[in-house]
Amino acid sequence: MNSYYTYTYLDPRKPGSYIYEDLIFEFEPFYVGKGKGRRFERTYKEAIANRGSKHRHNKIRSIIKQGLEPII
């Protein structure tokens, strides 16, 4: 059986009340993904290694440059 999950990256620089259907986030979501195992970490590691120029990678690098970490 495959166990998949949904994960969300949140921007700690943008607090607020972000409502999506029945979910409420305390910080602005900027990426939603589907994964299994440790998939949620790959996006973060790719951004740190400067592999990829996708919007989510740039956003993660921008957050880290400000001395913060994205909330996963």
PDB file of N, CA and C in Angstrom:
ATOM      1  N   MET A   1       0.836  -1.177   0.000  1.00  0.00           N
ATOM      2  CA  MET A   1       0.000   0.000   0.000  1.00  0.00           C
ATOM      3  C   MET A   1       0.889   1.251   0.000  1.00  0.00           C
ATOM      4  N   ASN A   2       0.584   2.201  -0.858  1.00  0.00           N
ATOM      5  CA  ASN A   2       1.320   3.466  -0.901  1.00  0.00           C
ATOM      6  C   ASN A   2       0.669   4.457   0.045  1.00  0.00           C
ATOM      7  N   SER A   3       1.457   5.029   0.933  1.00  0.00           N
ATOM      8  CA  SER A   3       0.955   6.035   1.866  1.00  0.00           C
ATOM      9  C   SER A   3       1.417   7.414   1.419  1.00  0.00           C
ATOM     10  N   TYR A   4       0.526   8.147   0.805  1.00  0.00           N
ATOM     11  CA  TYR A   4       0.829   9.503   0.353  1.00  0.00           C
ATOM     12  C   TYR A   4       0.284  10.508   1.350  1.00  0.00           C
ATOM     13  N   TYR A   5       0.858  11.694   1.356  1.00  0.00           N
ATOM     14  CA  TYR A   5       0.384  12.778   2.209  1.00  0.00           C
ATOM     15  C   TYR A   5       0.508  14.084   1.438  1.00  0.00           C
ATOM     16  N   THR A   6      -0.139  15.095   1.921  1.00  0.00           N
ATOM     17  CA  THR A   6      -0.045  16.436   1.357  1.00  0.00           C
ATOM     18  C   THR A   6       0.731  17.298   2.345  1.00  0.00           C
ATOM     19  N   TYR A   7       1.666  18.080   1.829  1.00  0.00           N
ATOM     20  CA  TYR A   7       2.444  18.962   2.693  1.00  0.00           C
ATOM     21  C   TYR A   7       2.388  20.381   2.142  1.00  0.00           C
ATOM     22  N   THR A   8       2.603  21.339   3.021  1.00  0.00           N
ATOM     23  CA  THR A   8       2.515  22.751   2.646  1.00  0.00           C
ATOM     24  C   THR A   8       3.716  23.502   3.191  1.00  0.00           C
ATOM     25  N   TYR A   9       4.297  24.346   2.370  1.00  0.00           N
ATOM     26  CA  TYR A   9       5.352  25.255   2.801  1.00  0.00           C
ATOM     27  C   TYR A   9       4.710  26.598   3.107  1.00  0.00           C
ATOM     28  N   LEU A  10       5.038  27.159   4.271  1.00  0.00           N
ATOM     29  CA  LEU A  10       4.489  28.439   4.696  1.00  0.00           C
ATOM     30  C   LEU A  10       5.618  29.462   4.829  1.00  0.00           C
ATOM     31  N   ASP A  11       5.300  30.706   4.522  1.00  0.00           N
ATOM     32  CA  ASP A  11       6.273  31.796   4.604  1.00  0.00           C
ATOM     33  C   ASP A  11       6.173  32.461   5.981  1.00  0.00           C
ATOM     34  N   PRO A  12       7.187  32.283   6.855  1.00  0.00           N
ATOM     35  CA  PRO A  12       7.130  32.832   8.213  1.00  0.00           C
ATOM     36  C   PRO A  12       7.173  34.362   8.242  1.00  0.00           C
ATOM     37  N   ARG A  13       7.487  34.985   7.115  1.00  0.00           N
ATOM     38  CA  ARG A  13       7.537  36.446   7.047  1.00  0.00           C
ATOM     39  C   ARG A  13       6.158  37.061   6.836  1.00  0.00           C
ATOM     40  N   LYS A  14       5.171  36.216   6.562  1.00  0.00           N
ATOM     41  CA  LYS A  14       3.836  36.729   6.225  1.00  0.00           C
ATOM     42  C   LYS A  14       2.763  36.110   7.116  1.00  0.00           C
ATOM     43  N   PRO A  15       2.698  36.564   8.381  1.00  0.00           N
ATOM     44  CA  PRO A  15       1.665  36.051   9.276  1.00  0.00           C
ATOM     45  C   PRO A  15       0.285  36.560   8.867  1.00  0.00           C
ATOM     46  N   GLY A  16      -0.712  35.836   9.287  1.00  0.00           N
ATOM     47  CA  GLY A  16      -2.088  36.226   8.990  1.00  0.00           C
ATOM     48  C   GLY A  16      -2.998  35.038   9.146  1.00  0.00           C
ATOM     49  N   SER A  17      -4.187  35.164   8.645  1.00  0.00           N
ATOM     50  CA  SER A  17      -5.159  34.069   8.670  1.00  0.00           C
ATOM     51  C   SER A  17      -5.491  33.733   7.221  1.00  0.00           C
ATOM     52  N   TYR A  18      -4.932  32.642   6.746  1.00  0.00           N
ATOM     53  CA  TYR A  18      -5.109  32.212   5.369  1.00  0.00           C
ATOM     54  C   TYR A  18      -6.022  30.987   5.367  1.00  0.00           C
ATOM     55  N   ILE A  19      -7.197  31.149   4.808  1.00  0.00           N
ATOM     56  CA  ILE A  19      -8.219  30.100   4.862  1.00  0.00           C
ATOM     57  C   ILE A  19      -8.391  29.473   3.481  1.00  0.00           C
ATOM     58  N   TYR A  20      -8.288  28.158   3.435  1.00  0.00           N
ATOM     59  CA  TYR A  20      -8.491  27.378   2.221  1.00  0.00           C
ATOM     60  C   TYR A  20      -9.427  26.231   2.561  1.00  0.00           C
ATOM     61  N   GLU A  21     -10.680  26.379   2.132  1.00  0.00           N
ATOM     62  CA  GLU A  21     -11.729  25.417   2.465  1.00  0.00           C
ATOM     63  C   GLU A  21     -11.786  25.224   3.976  1.00  0.00           C
ATOM     64  N   ASP A  22     -11.480  24.043   4.481  1.00  0.00           N
ATOM     65  CA  ASP A  22     -11.576  23.805   5.927  1.00  0.00           C
ATOM     66  C   ASP A  22     -10.229  23.932   6.647  1.00  0.00           C
ATOM     67  N   LEU A  23      -9.217  24.430   5.953  1.00  0.00           N
ATOM     68  CA  LEU A  23      -7.884  24.601   6.544  1.00  0.00           C
ATOM     69  C   LEU A  23      -7.620  26.069   6.843  1.00  0.00           C
ATOM     70  N   ILE A  24      -6.999  26.331   7.979  1.00  0.00           N
ATOM     71  CA  ILE A  24      -6.599  27.687   8.339  1.00  0.00           C
ATOM     72  C   ILE A  24      -5.110  27.666   8.645  1.00  0.00           C
ATOM     73  N   PHE A  25      -4.356  28.506   7.935  1.00  0.00           N
ATOM     74  CA  PHE A  25      -2.914  28.610   8.139  1.00  0.00           C
ATOM     75  C   PHE A  25      -2.612  29.943   8.817  1.00  0.00           C
ATOM     76  N   GLU A  26      -1.644  29.965   9.716  1.00  0.00           N
ATOM     77  CA  GLU A  26      -1.255  31.187  10.410  1.00  0.00           C
ATOM     78  C   GLU A  26      -0.204  31.983   9.641  1.00  0.00           C
ATOM     79  N   PHE A  27       0.311  31.400   8.577  1.00  0.00           N
ATOM     80  CA  PHE A  27       1.277  32.070   7.709  1.00  0.00           C
ATOM     81  C   PHE A  27       0.896  31.769   6.265  1.00  0.00           C
ATOM     82  N   GLU A  28       1.364  32.615   5.339  1.00  0.00           N
ATOM     83  CA  GLU A  28       0.983  32.463   3.936  1.00  0.00           C
ATOM     84  C   GLU A  28       1.565  31.189   3.321  1.00  0.00           C
ATOM     85  N   PRO A  29       0.714  30.325   2.780  1.00  0.00           N
ATOM     86  CA  PRO A  29       1.203  29.148   2.064  1.00  0.00           C
ATOM     87  C   PRO A  29       1.768  29.576   0.702  1.00  0.00           C
ATOM     88  N   PHE A  30       2.896  28.977   0.301  1.00  0.00           N
ATOM     89  CA  PHE A  30       3.415  29.287  -1.030  1.00  0.00           C
ATOM     90  C   PHE A  30       3.681  28.041  -1.858  1.00  0.00           C
ATOM     91  N   TYR A  31       3.529  26.865  -1.266  1.00  0.00           N
ATOM     92  CA  TYR A  31       3.680  25.636  -2.039  1.00  0.00           C
ATOM     93  C   TYR A  31       2.934  24.506  -1.351  1.00  0.00           C
ATOM     94  N   VAL A  32       2.203  23.745  -2.141  1.00  0.00           N
ATOM     95  CA  VAL A  32       1.511  22.548  -1.651  1.00  0.00           C
ATOM     96  C   VAL A  32       1.978  21.385  -2.516  1.00  0.00           C
ATOM     97  N   GLY A  33       2.402  20.310  -1.878  1.00  0.00           N
ATOM     98  CA  GLY A  33       2.887  19.155  -2.617  1.00  0.00           C
ATOM     99  C   GLY A  33       2.303  17.862  -2.096  1.00  0.00           C
ATOM    100  N   LYS A  34       2.496  16.819  -2.886  1.00  0.00           N
ATOM    101  CA  LYS A  34       2.063  15.475  -2.510  1.00  0.00           C
ATOM    102  C   LYS A  34       3.316  14.608  -2.448  1.00  0.00           C
ATOM    103  N   GLY A  35       3.418  13.790  -1.419  1.00  0.00           N
ATOM    104  CA  GLY A  35       4.612  12.967  -1.315  1.00  0.00           C
ATOM    105  C   GLY A  35       4.406  11.752  -0.449  1.00  0.00           C
ATOM    106  N   LYS A  36       5.472  10.979  -0.354  1.00  0.00           N
ATOM    107  CA  LYS A  36       5.516   9.853   0.575  1.00  0.00           C
ATOM    108  C   LYS A  36       6.938   9.757   1.084  1.00  0.00           C
ATOM    109  N   GLY A  37       7.105   9.110   2.215  1.00  0.00           N
ATOM    110  CA  GLY A  37       8.437   9.047   2.817  1.00  0.00           C
ATOM    111  C   GLY A  37       8.875  10.436   3.251  1.00  0.00           C
ATOM    112  N   ARG A  38      10.096  10.827   2.871  1.00  0.00           N
ATOM    113  CA  ARG A  38      10.674  12.125   3.266  1.00  0.00           C
ATOM    114  C   ARG A  38      10.621  13.129   2.103  1.00  0.00           C
ATOM    115  N   ARG A  39       9.682  12.989   1.192  1.00  0.00           N
ATOM    116  CA  ARG A  39       9.582  13.839   0.003  1.00  0.00           C
ATOM    117  C   ARG A  39       9.560  15.330   0.341  1.00  0.00           C
ATOM    118  N   PHE A  40       8.907  15.693   1.425  1.00  0.00           N
ATOM    119  CA  PHE A  40       8.783  17.105   1.789  1.00  0.00           C
ATOM    120  C   PHE A  40      10.133  17.784   1.971  1.00  0.00           C
ATOM    121  N   GLU A  41      11.168  17.007   2.296  1.00  0.00           N
ATOM    122  CA  GLU A  41      12.499  17.570   2.502  1.00  0.00           C
ATOM    123  C   GLU A  41      13.237  17.832   1.190  1.00  0.00           C
ATOM    124  N   ARG A  42      12.890  17.122   0.135  1.00  0.00           N
ATOM    125  CA  ARG A  42      13.638  17.245  -1.120  1.00  0.00           C
ATOM    126  C   ARG A  42      13.555  18.663  -1.692  1.00  0.00           C
ATOM    127  N   THR A  43      12.375  19.266  -1.643  1.00  0.00           N
ATOM    128  CA  THR A  43      12.225  20.632  -2.146  1.00  0.00           C
ATOM    129  C   THR A  43      13.165  21.574  -1.404  1.00  0.00           C
ATOM    130  N   TYR A  44      13.233  21.429  -0.096  1.00  0.00           N
ATOM    131  CA  TYR A  44      14.100  22.265   0.739  1.00  0.00           C
ATOM    132  C   TYR A  44      15.571  22.036   0.384  1.00  0.00           C
ATOM    133  N   LYS A  45      15.973  20.782   0.289  1.00  0.00           N
ATOM    134  CA  LYS A  45      17.370  20.456  -0.013  1.00  0.00           C
ATOM    135  C   LYS A  45      17.768  20.937  -1.407  1.00  0.00           C
ATOM    136  N   GLU A  46      16.858  20.832  -2.371  1.00  0.00           N
ATOM    137  CA  GLU A  46      17.138  21.319  -3.721  1.00  0.00           C
ATOM    138  C   GLU A  46      17.358  22.832  -3.702  1.00  0.00           C
ATOM    139  N   ALA A  47      16.560  23.536  -2.930  1.00  0.00           N
ATOM    140  CA  ALA A  47      16.691  24.992  -2.842  1.00  0.00           C
ATOM    141  C   ALA A  47      18.022  25.383  -2.216  1.00  0.00           C
ATOM    142  N   ILE A  48      18.403  24.718  -1.141  1.00  0.00           N
ATOM    143  CA  ILE A  48      19.668  25.022  -0.460  1.00  0.00           C
ATOM    144  C   ILE A  48      20.855  24.723  -1.370  1.00  0.00           C
ATOM    145  N   ALA A  49      20.774  23.635  -2.122  1.00  0.00           N
ATOM    146  CA  ALA A  49      21.859  23.244  -3.017  1.00  0.00           C
ATOM    147  C   ALA A  49      21.874  24.102  -4.282  1.00  0.00           C
ATOM    148  N   ASN A  50      20.927  25.039  -4.364  1.00  0.00           N
ATOM    149  CA  ASN A  50      20.812  25.940  -5.507  1.00  0.00           C
ATOM    150  C   ASN A  50      20.543  25.178  -6.796  1.00  0.00           C
ATOM    151  N   ARG A  51      19.837  24.063  -6.665  1.00  0.00           N
ATOM    152  CA  ARG A  51      19.425  23.291  -7.836  1.00  0.00           C
ATOM    153  C   ARG A  51      17.988  23.660  -8.144  1.00  0.00           C
ATOM    154  N   GLY A  52      17.771  24.237  -9.254  1.00  0.00           N
ATOM    155  CA  GLY A  52      16.416  24.578  -9.662  1.00  0.00           C
ATOM    156  C   GLY A  52      16.133  26.054  -9.506  1.00  0.00           C
ATOM    157  N   SER A  53      15.401  26.582 -10.430  1.00  0.00           N
ATOM    158  CA  SER A  53      15.058  28.000 -10.395  1.00  0.00           C
ATOM    159  C   SER A  53      13.552  28.184 -10.279  1.00  0.00           C
ATOM    160  N   LYS A  54      12.883  27.175  -9.804  1.00  0.00           N
ATOM    161  CA  LYS A  54      11.434  27.255  -9.646  1.00  0.00           C
ATOM    162  C   LYS A  54      11.088  28.296  -8.591  1.00  0.00           C
ATOM    163  N   HIS A  55       9.899  28.834  -8.702  1.00  0.00           N
ATOM    164  CA  HIS A  55       9.438  29.865  -7.768  1.00  0.00           C
ATOM    165  C   HIS A  55       9.606  29.406  -6.323  1.00  0.00           C
ATOM    166  N   ARG A  56       9.239  28.171  -6.032  1.00  0.00           N
ATOM    167  CA  ARG A  56       9.315  27.703  -4.636  1.00  0.00           C
ATOM    168  C   ARG A  56      10.756  27.660  -4.142  1.00  0.00           C
ATOM    169  N   HIS A  57      11.699  27.306  -5.000  1.00  0.00           N
ATOM    170  CA  HIS A  57      13.111  27.284  -4.598  1.00  0.00           C
ATOM    171  C   HIS A  57      13.597  28.700  -4.304  1.00  0.00           C
ATOM    172  N   ASN A  58      13.242  29.643  -5.165  1.00  0.00           N
ATOM    173  CA  ASN A  58      13.641  31.032  -4.957  1.00  0.00           C
ATOM    174  C   ASN A  58      13.045  31.576  -3.663  1.00  0.00           C
ATOM    175  N   LYS A  59      11.813  31.227  -3.393  1.00  0.00           N
ATOM    176  CA  LYS A  59      11.137  31.697  -2.176  1.00  0.00           C
ATOM    177  C   LYS A  59      11.839  31.127  -0.941  1.00  0.00           C
ATOM    178  N   ILE A  60      12.176  29.855  -0.960  1.00  0.00           N
ATOM    179  CA  ILE A  60      12.874  29.223   0.171  1.00  0.00           C
ATOM    180  C   ILE A  60      14.221  29.904   0.395  1.00  0.00           C
ATOM    181  N   ARG A  61      14.973  30.135  -0.684  1.00  0.00           N
ATOM    182  CA  ARG A  61      16.278  30.799  -0.549  1.00  0.00           C
ATOM    183  C   ARG A  61      16.123  32.213   0.014  1.00  0.00           C
ATOM    184  N   SER A  62      15.083  32.909  -0.404  1.00  0.00           N
ATOM    185  CA  SER A  62      14.824  34.263   0.089  1.00  0.00           C
ATOM    186  C   SER A  62      14.523  34.260   1.589  1.00  0.00           C
ATOM    187  N   ILE A  63      13.761  33.287   2.026  1.00  0.00           N
ATOM    188  CA  ILE A  63      13.432  33.150   3.456  1.00  0.00           C
ATOM    189  C   ILE A  63      14.697  32.866   4.263  1.00  0.00           C
ATOM    190  N   ILE A  64      15.519  31.958   3.763  1.00  0.00           N
ATOM    191  CA  ILE A  64      16.755  31.582   4.461  1.00  0.00           C
ATOM    192  C   ILE A  64      17.718  32.767   4.531  1.00  0.00           C
ATOM    193  N   LYS A  65      17.807  33.569   3.466  1.00  0.00           N
ATOM    194  CA  LYS A  65      18.690  34.738   3.460  1.00  0.00           C
ATOM    195  C   LYS A  65      18.324  35.730   4.547  1.00  0.00           C
ATOM    196  N   GLN A  66      17.075  35.715   4.977  1.00  0.00           N
ATOM    197  CA  GLN A  66      16.627  36.613   6.043  1.00  0.00           C
ATOM    198  C   GLN A  66      16.782  35.990   7.426  1.00  0.00           C
ATOM    199  N   GLY A  67      17.471  34.841   7.481  1.00  0.00           N
ATOM    200  CA  GLY A  67      17.736  34.200   8.764  1.00  0.00           C
ATOM    201  C   GLY A  67      16.573  33.395   9.316  1.00  0.00           C
ATOM    202  N   LEU A  68      15.623  33.054   8.450  1.00  0.00           N
ATOM    203  CA  LEU A  68      14.451  32.290   8.875  1.00  0.00           C
ATOM    204  C   LEU A  68      14.427  30.940   8.164  1.00  0.00           C
ATOM    205  N   GLU A  69      13.476  30.132   8.531  1.00  0.00           N
ATOM    206  CA  GLU A  69      13.256  28.839   7.881  1.00  0.00           C
ATOM    207  C   GLU A  69      11.806  28.766   7.441  1.00  0.00           C
ATOM    208  N   PRO A  70      11.525  28.194   6.284  1.00  0.00           N
ATOM    209  CA  PRO A  70      10.130  28.007   5.908  1.00  0.00           C
ATOM    210  C   PRO A  70       9.478  27.025   6.884  1.00  0.00           C
ATOM    211  N   ILE A  71       8.207  27.192   7.089  1.00  0.00           N
ATOM    212  CA  ILE A  71       7.456  26.264   7.952  1.00  0.00           C
ATOM    213  C   ILE A  71       6.876  25.192   7.048  1.00  0.00           C
ATOM    214  N   ILE A  72       7.128  23.940   7.379  1.00  0.00           N
ATOM    215  CA  ILE A  72       6.626  22.836   6.551  1.00  0.00           C
ATOM    216  C   ILE A  72       5.551  22.110   7.324  1.00  0.00           C
TER     217      ILE A  72
END
